[in-house]
Amino acid sequence: MDSEHLKGVVATNVNEEAVILRGCTTSELIGASIVCTSVILPVFLIVGAVISKMMICMAVGFAANFGAIFGTATLMQKMKRGRPDGYFNHWMLLIGKKAGMVKAPFVIHDGQMSIFRKKQIFLLHKHLKQTLDR
């Protein structure tokens, strides 16, 4: 490989997820696609069943789905501006934790937290006297 091809590759860029559409990474776009598809296609399916034009409504639904994914990516780009990598992943974990659907890998607590210290341990040595709280 020529070194000219590797000039744009920096060590910090290798560890980050690639941006693929309107500032969204792969995982963010997959999440937006799942949400948009699970909302829009059933709506157009029901409308098609009601007006008895199922195939036309499904074709319009697929087009609306692509438009919604693009619009969601644009909205996410504006929301993410100036925030760190993985912002939406943490945001979705917080929403899932508050709804009780997932277990978050971090502590979410409002108010004063206790460190559960109950008793003291005295360590005695010849020349060292130290107290530790537990």
N, C-alpha and C. Protein backbone atom coordinates (compact mmCIF):
# COMPACT_ATOMS: atom_id res chain seq x y z
N MET A 1 0.83 -1.18 0.00
CA MET A 1 0.00 0.00 0.00
C MET A 1 0.87 1.24 0.00
N ASP A 2 0.42 2.21 -0.69
CA ASP A 2 1.13 3.48 -0.72
C ASP A 2 0.76 4.29 0.51
N SER A 3 1.70 5.12 0.95
CA SER A 3 1.43 5.96 2.12
C SER A 3 0.45 7.08 1.76
N GLU A 4 0.29 7.38 0.47
CA GLU A 4 -0.67 8.41 0.06
C GLU A 4 -2.10 8.01 0.40
N HIS A 5 -2.40 6.71 0.35
CA HIS A 5 -3.75 6.24 0.65
C HIS A 5 -4.06 6.33 2.14
N LEU A 6 -3.03 6.31 2.98
CA LEU A 6 -3.23 6.28 4.42
C LEU A 6 -3.12 7.65 5.08
N LYS A 7 -2.97 8.73 4.30
CA LYS A 7 -2.82 10.06 4.89
C LYS A 7 -4.07 10.49 5.65
N GLY A 8 -5.25 10.09 5.19
CA GLY A 8 -6.49 10.49 5.85
C GLY A 8 -6.83 9.65 7.06
N VAL A 9 -6.13 8.54 7.27
CA VAL A 9 -6.41 7.66 8.40
C VAL A 9 -5.58 8.12 9.59
N VAL A 10 -6.26 8.52 10.62
CA VAL A 10 -5.60 8.96 11.84
C VAL A 10 -6.01 7.97 12.93
N ALA A 11 -5.18 7.77 13.91
CA ALA A 11 -5.46 6.78 14.95
C ALA A 11 -6.77 7.03 15.67
N THR A 12 -7.15 8.30 15.85
CA THR A 12 -8.41 8.58 16.55
C THR A 12 -9.61 8.25 15.67
N ASN A 13 -9.47 8.33 14.36
CA ASN A 13 -10.58 8.04 13.47
C ASN A 13 -10.85 6.54 13.34
N VAL A 14 -9.87 5.71 13.61
CA VAL A 14 -10.03 4.27 13.47
C VAL A 14 -10.92 3.71 14.58
N ASN A 15 -10.88 4.31 15.76
CA ASN A 15 -11.64 3.82 16.90
C ASN A 15 -13.08 4.31 16.93
N GLU A 16 -13.44 5.25 16.09
CA GLU A 16 -14.78 5.80 16.08
C GLU A 16 -15.64 5.10 15.04
N GLU A 17 -16.92 5.12 15.26
CA GLU A 17 -17.85 4.53 14.31
C GLU A 17 -17.99 5.46 13.10
N ALA A 18 -18.11 4.89 11.92
CA ALA A 18 -18.14 5.68 10.70
C ALA A 18 -19.48 6.40 10.55
N VAL A 19 -19.42 7.64 10.08
CA VAL A 19 -20.61 8.42 9.78
C VAL A 19 -21.04 8.07 8.36
N ILE A 20 -22.32 7.66 8.19
CA ILE A 20 -22.73 7.20 6.86
C ILE A 20 -23.82 8.04 6.22
N LEU A 21 -24.68 8.70 7.01
CA LEU A 21 -25.75 9.49 6.41
C LEU A 21 -26.11 10.65 7.31
N ARG A 22 -25.99 11.86 6.81
CA ARG A 22 -26.41 13.07 7.51
C ARG A 22 -25.88 13.17 8.94
N GLY A 23 -24.66 12.73 9.18
CA GLY A 23 -24.06 12.83 10.50
C GLY A 23 -24.39 11.68 11.43
N CYS A 24 -25.15 10.70 10.96
CA CYS A 24 -25.52 9.55 11.80
C CYS A 24 -24.54 8.40 11.57
N THR A 25 -24.22 7.71 12.64
CA THR A 25 -23.37 6.54 12.53
C THR A 25 -24.24 5.33 12.15
N THR A 26 -23.61 4.21 11.96
CA THR A 26 -24.32 3.02 11.54
C THR A 26 -25.36 2.58 12.56
N SER A 27 -24.97 2.52 13.83
CA SER A 27 -25.91 2.06 14.85
C SER A 27 -27.06 3.04 15.05
N GLU A 28 -26.79 4.34 14.96
CA GLU A 28 -27.86 5.33 15.08
C GLU A 28 -28.83 5.23 13.92
N LEU A 29 -28.32 5.01 12.73
CA LEU A 29 -29.19 4.90 11.56
C LEU A 29 -30.00 3.61 11.59
N ILE A 30 -29.43 2.54 12.10
CA ILE A 30 -30.19 1.29 12.23
C ILE A 30 -31.32 1.48 13.23
N GLY A 31 -31.05 2.15 14.33
CA GLY A 31 -32.10 2.43 15.32
C GLY A 31 -33.21 3.29 14.75
N ALA A 32 -32.83 4.33 14.00
CA ALA A 32 -33.83 5.20 13.38
C ALA A 32 -34.63 4.43 12.33
N SER A 33 -33.99 3.56 11.58
CA SER A 33 -34.69 2.76 10.58
C SER A 33 -35.70 1.82 11.21
N ILE A 34 -35.31 1.20 12.31
CA ILE A 34 -36.22 0.27 13.00
C ILE A 34 -37.44 1.01 13.52
N VAL A 35 -37.23 2.17 14.14
CA VAL A 35 -38.34 2.94 14.68
C VAL A 35 -39.26 3.44 13.57
N CYS A 36 -38.68 4.02 12.52
CA CYS A 36 -39.50 4.55 11.42
C CYS A 36 -40.28 3.44 10.72
N THR A 37 -39.64 2.31 10.48
CA THR A 37 -40.31 1.20 9.79
C THR A 37 -41.41 0.62 10.64
N SER A 38 -41.18 0.49 11.95
CA SER A 38 -42.20 -0.11 12.81
C SER A 38 -43.38 0.82 13.04
N VAL A 39 -43.24 2.10 12.75
CA VAL A 39 -44.36 3.03 12.90
C VAL A 39 -45.07 3.27 11.58
N ILE A 40 -44.32 3.56 10.52
CA ILE A 40 -44.93 4.01 9.26
C ILE A 40 -45.58 2.88 8.47
N LEU A 41 -44.91 1.75 8.33
CA LEU A 41 -45.48 0.68 7.51
C LEU A 41 -46.79 0.11 8.07
N PRO A 42 -46.93 -0.11 9.37
CA PRO A 42 -48.26 -0.55 9.85
C PRO A 42 -49.36 0.49 9.64
N VAL A 43 -49.01 1.77 9.75
CA VAL A 43 -50.01 2.82 9.52
C VAL A 43 -50.51 2.76 8.07
N PHE A 44 -49.60 2.65 7.12
CA PHE A 44 -50.00 2.58 5.71
C PHE A 44 -50.69 1.26 5.40
N LEU A 45 -50.34 0.20 6.11
CA LEU A 45 -51.01 -1.08 5.93
C LEU A 45 -52.48 -0.98 6.38
N ILE A 46 -52.70 -0.35 7.51
CA ILE A 46 -54.07 -0.17 8.00
C ILE A 46 -54.87 0.74 7.09
N VAL A 47 -54.26 1.83 6.64
CA VAL A 47 -54.96 2.75 5.72
C VAL A 47 -55.29 2.04 4.43
N GLY A 48 -54.36 1.23 3.92
CA GLY A 48 -54.63 0.47 2.69
C GLY A 48 -55.75 -0.53 2.86
N ALA A 49 -55.82 -1.15 4.03
CA ALA A 49 -56.90 -2.10 4.28
C ALA A 49 -58.25 -1.39 4.40
N VAL A 50 -58.25 -0.20 4.98
CA VAL A 50 -59.50 0.54 5.15
C VAL A 50 -60.04 1.03 3.80
N ILE A 51 -59.16 1.56 2.95
CA ILE A 51 -59.64 2.08 1.66
C ILE A 51 -59.54 1.05 0.54
N SER A 52 -59.18 -0.16 0.88
CA SER A 52 -59.05 -1.30 -0.04
C SER A 52 -58.14 -1.01 -1.25
N LYS A 53 -57.06 -0.33 -1.00
CA LYS A 53 -55.99 -0.09 -1.98
C LYS A 53 -54.66 -0.46 -1.34
N MET A 54 -54.50 -1.73 -1.00
CA MET A 54 -53.38 -2.21 -0.21
C MET A 54 -52.04 -2.00 -0.92
N MET A 55 -51.93 -2.38 -2.17
CA MET A 55 -50.65 -2.31 -2.88
C MET A 55 -50.20 -0.87 -3.10
N ILE A 56 -51.12 0.01 -3.40
CA ILE A 56 -50.76 1.41 -3.60
C ILE A 56 -50.29 2.03 -2.29
N CYS A 57 -51.01 1.74 -1.22
CA CYS A 57 -50.63 2.29 0.08
C CYS A 57 -49.29 1.73 0.56
N MET A 58 -49.01 0.48 0.29
CA MET A 58 -47.72 -0.08 0.69
C MET A 58 -46.57 0.55 -0.11
N ALA A 59 -46.79 0.81 -1.40
CA ALA A 59 -45.76 1.47 -2.20
C ALA A 59 -45.51 2.89 -1.68
N VAL A 60 -46.58 3.61 -1.36
CA VAL A 60 -46.42 4.95 -0.80
C VAL A 60 -45.80 4.86 0.59
N GLY A 61 -46.14 3.81 1.33
CA GLY A 61 -45.57 3.62 2.66
C GLY A 61 -44.07 3.40 2.63
N PHE A 62 -43.58 2.63 1.65
CA PHE A 62 -42.13 2.43 1.54
C PHE A 62 -41.43 3.74 1.18
N ALA A 63 -42.03 4.52 0.30
CA ALA A 63 -41.44 5.83 -0.04
C ALA A 63 -41.46 6.76 1.17
N ALA A 64 -42.57 6.75 1.91
CA ALA A 64 -42.65 7.57 3.12
C ALA A 64 -41.66 7.11 4.17
N ASN A 65 -41.40 5.82 4.22
CA ASN A 65 -40.43 5.28 5.17
C ASN A 65 -39.03 5.82 4.88
N PHE A 66 -38.63 5.83 3.63
CA PHE A 66 -37.32 6.38 3.28
C PHE A 66 -37.24 7.87 3.60
N GLY A 67 -38.32 8.59 3.33
CA GLY A 67 -38.35 10.01 3.68
C GLY A 67 -38.28 10.23 5.18
N ALA A 68 -38.96 9.38 5.95
CA ALA A 68 -38.93 9.51 7.40
C ALA A 68 -37.55 9.19 7.96
N ILE A 69 -36.88 8.20 7.38
CA ILE A 69 -35.52 7.87 7.83
C ILE A 69 -34.58 9.04 7.55
N PHE A 70 -34.69 9.64 6.39
CA PHE A 70 -33.86 10.79 6.04
C PHE A 70 -34.17 11.97 6.96
N GLY A 71 -35.46 12.21 7.22
CA GLY A 71 -35.85 13.30 8.11
C GLY A 71 -35.39 13.06 9.54
N THR A 72 -35.47 11.82 10.00
CA THR A 72 -35.01 11.47 11.34
C THR A 72 -33.50 11.65 11.45
N ALA A 73 -32.77 11.28 10.41
CA ALA A 73 -31.31 11.46 10.42
C ALA A 73 -30.96 12.95 10.48
N THR A 74 -31.73 13.78 9.78
CA THR A 74 -31.50 15.22 9.83
C THR A 74 -31.79 15.76 11.22
N LEU A 75 -32.88 15.32 11.83
CA LEU A 75 -33.23 15.75 13.18
C LEU A 75 -32.16 15.30 14.18
N MET A 76 -31.71 14.07 14.04
CA MET A 76 -30.68 13.56 14.94
C MET A 76 -29.37 14.32 14.77
N GLN A 77 -29.07 14.74 13.55
CA GLN A 77 -27.86 15.52 13.29
C GLN A 77 -27.93 16.84 14.03
N LYS A 78 -29.09 17.48 14.02
CA LYS A 78 -29.24 18.76 14.72
C LYS A 78 -29.22 18.58 16.23
N MET A 79 -29.79 17.48 16.73
CA MET A 79 -29.78 17.22 18.17
C MET A 79 -28.38 16.87 18.68
N LYS A 80 -27.60 16.21 17.84
CA LYS A 80 -26.29 15.70 18.24
C LYS A 80 -25.19 16.76 18.15
N ARG A 81 -25.44 17.86 17.50
CA ARG A 81 -24.41 18.86 17.26
C ARG A 81 -23.70 19.27 18.54
N GLY A 82 -22.39 19.08 18.57
CA GLY A 82 -21.57 19.48 19.71
C GLY A 82 -21.54 18.47 20.85
N ARG A 83 -22.17 17.32 20.69
CA ARG A 83 -22.21 16.33 21.76
C ARG A 83 -21.20 15.22 21.43
N PRO A 84 -20.78 14.44 22.42
CA PRO A 84 -19.75 13.42 22.19
C PRO A 84 -20.27 12.21 21.42
N ASP A 85 -19.34 11.36 21.01
CA ASP A 85 -19.70 10.11 20.32
C ASP A 85 -20.50 9.22 21.27
N GLY A 86 -21.45 8.52 20.74
CA GLY A 86 -22.27 7.62 21.54
C GLY A 86 -23.36 8.33 22.32
N TYR A 87 -23.67 9.57 21.96
CA TYR A 87 -24.68 10.35 22.69
C TYR A 87 -26.05 9.67 22.64
N PHE A 88 -26.47 9.24 21.46
CA PHE A 88 -27.78 8.63 21.33
C PHE A 88 -27.83 7.24 21.94
N ASN A 89 -26.72 6.53 21.96
CA ASN A 89 -26.70 5.22 22.63
C ASN A 89 -26.97 5.38 24.13
N HIS A 90 -26.33 6.36 24.76
CA HIS A 90 -26.57 6.61 26.18
C HIS A 90 -27.98 7.14 26.41
N TRP A 91 -28.44 7.96 25.51
CA TRP A 91 -29.78 8.52 25.62
C TRP A 91 -30.83 7.42 25.57
N MET A 92 -30.67 6.47 24.66
CA MET A 92 -31.61 5.35 24.55
C MET A 92 -31.52 4.42 25.77
N LEU A 93 -30.30 4.23 26.32
CA LEU A 93 -30.16 3.45 27.54
C LEU A 93 -30.90 4.11 28.71
N LEU A 94 -30.81 5.44 28.80
CA LEU A 94 -31.51 6.14 29.86
C LEU A 94 -33.03 6.00 29.71
N ILE A 95 -33.53 6.12 28.49
CA ILE A 95 -34.97 5.97 28.26
C ILE A 95 -35.40 4.54 28.58
N GLY A 96 -34.63 3.56 28.15
CA GLY A 96 -34.95 2.17 28.45
C GLY A 96 -34.90 1.86 29.94
N LYS A 97 -33.94 2.45 30.65
CA LYS A 97 -33.83 2.25 32.09
C LYS A 97 -35.03 2.87 32.81
N LYS A 98 -35.42 4.08 32.41
CA LYS A 98 -36.56 4.74 33.06
C LYS A 98 -37.86 4.00 32.79
N ALA A 99 -37.97 3.37 31.61
CA ALA A 99 -39.17 2.59 31.28
C ALA A 99 -39.12 1.20 31.88
N GLY A 100 -37.96 0.79 32.42
CA GLY A 100 -37.82 -0.52 33.03
C GLY A 100 -37.62 -1.64 32.03
N MET A 101 -37.19 -1.32 30.82
CA MET A 101 -37.01 -2.34 29.78
C MET A 101 -35.59 -2.91 29.74
N VAL A 102 -34.59 -2.11 30.10
CA VAL A 102 -33.20 -2.58 30.06
C VAL A 102 -32.51 -2.25 31.39
N LYS A 103 -31.40 -2.92 31.62
CA LYS A 103 -30.58 -2.62 32.79
C LYS A 103 -29.39 -1.79 32.33
N ALA A 104 -29.29 -0.58 32.83
CA ALA A 104 -28.23 0.33 32.41
C ALA A 104 -26.93 -0.05 33.11
N PRO A 105 -25.79 0.08 32.42
CA PRO A 105 -24.50 -0.26 33.03
C PRO A 105 -23.95 0.85 33.91
N PHE A 106 -24.74 1.86 34.22
CA PHE A 106 -24.29 2.94 35.08
C PHE A 106 -25.40 3.27 36.07
N VAL A 107 -25.05 4.03 37.11
CA VAL A 107 -25.98 4.35 38.19
C VAL A 107 -26.79 5.58 37.81
N ILE A 108 -28.10 5.47 37.94
CA ILE A 108 -28.99 6.60 37.70
C ILE A 108 -29.71 6.86 39.02
N HIS A 109 -29.40 7.99 39.64
CA HIS A 109 -29.99 8.29 40.94
C HIS A 109 -30.13 9.79 41.10
N ASP A 110 -31.28 10.23 41.57
CA ASP A 110 -31.49 11.64 41.91
C ASP A 110 -31.45 11.77 43.43
N GLY A 111 -30.73 12.76 43.90
CA GLY A 111 -30.68 12.99 45.34
C GLY A 111 -29.34 12.59 45.92
N GLN A 112 -29.31 12.52 47.25
CA GLN A 112 -28.08 12.21 47.96
C GLN A 112 -27.85 10.71 47.98
N MET A 113 -26.63 10.31 47.68
CA MET A 113 -26.29 8.89 47.68
C MET A 113 -25.51 8.54 48.94
N SER A 114 -25.71 7.35 49.44
CA SER A 114 -25.00 6.85 50.62
C SER A 114 -23.86 5.96 50.16
N ILE A 115 -22.77 5.97 50.91
CA ILE A 115 -21.64 5.11 50.57
C ILE A 115 -21.62 3.87 51.44
N PHE A 116 -22.63 3.67 52.27
CA PHE A 116 -22.84 2.48 53.07
C PHE A 116 -21.68 2.16 54.02
N ARG A 117 -21.10 3.16 54.64
CA ARG A 117 -20.05 2.94 55.63
C ARG A 117 -20.71 2.72 56.98
N LYS A 118 -20.37 1.62 57.64
CA LYS A 118 -21.03 1.30 58.90
C LYS A 118 -20.06 1.13 60.06
N LYS A 119 -18.91 0.57 59.85
CA LYS A 119 -18.02 0.34 60.98
C LYS A 119 -16.58 0.70 60.60
N GLN A 120 -15.76 0.90 61.64
CA GLN A 120 -14.38 1.24 61.43
C GLN A 120 -13.50 0.03 61.68
N ILE A 121 -12.43 -0.04 60.92
CA ILE A 121 -11.45 -1.11 61.10
C ILE A 121 -10.15 -0.44 61.53
N PHE A 122 -9.56 -0.93 62.63
CA PHE A 122 -8.30 -0.40 63.10
C PHE A 122 -7.19 -1.37 62.75
N LEU A 123 -6.21 -0.89 62.02
CA LEU A 123 -5.04 -1.68 61.69
C LEU A 123 -3.89 -1.21 62.56
N LEU A 124 -3.35 -2.10 63.36
CA LEU A 124 -2.27 -1.74 64.26
C LEU A 124 -0.99 -2.45 63.85
N HIS A 125 0.02 -1.68 63.65
CA HIS A 125 1.36 -2.19 63.38
C HIS A 125 2.31 -1.56 64.39
N LYS A 126 3.55 -1.97 64.39
CA LYS A 126 4.51 -1.43 65.35
C LYS A 126 4.67 0.08 65.18
N HIS A 127 4.83 0.52 63.95
CA HIS A 127 5.09 1.93 63.72
C HIS A 127 3.97 2.63 62.94
N LEU A 128 2.89 1.94 62.64
CA LEU A 128 1.84 2.54 61.83
C LEU A 128 0.49 2.32 62.49
N LYS A 129 -0.22 3.38 62.70
CA LYS A 129 -1.58 3.29 63.22
C LYS A 129 -2.49 3.94 62.19
N GLN A 130 -3.43 3.17 61.68
CA GLN A 130 -4.25 3.67 60.58
C GLN A 130 -5.70 3.23 60.80
N THR A 131 -6.62 4.10 60.46
CA THR A 131 -8.03 3.73 60.55
C THR A 131 -8.62 3.78 59.14
N LEU A 132 -9.43 2.80 58.85
CA LEU A 132 -10.12 2.74 57.56
C LEU A 132 -11.62 2.67 57.82
N ASP A 133 -12.37 3.38 57.03
CA ASP A 133 -13.83 3.31 57.11
C ASP A 133 -14.35 2.37 56.04
N ARG A 134 -15.32 1.57 56.41
CA ARG A 134 -15.95 0.71 55.42
C ARG A 134 -17.41 0.85 55.51
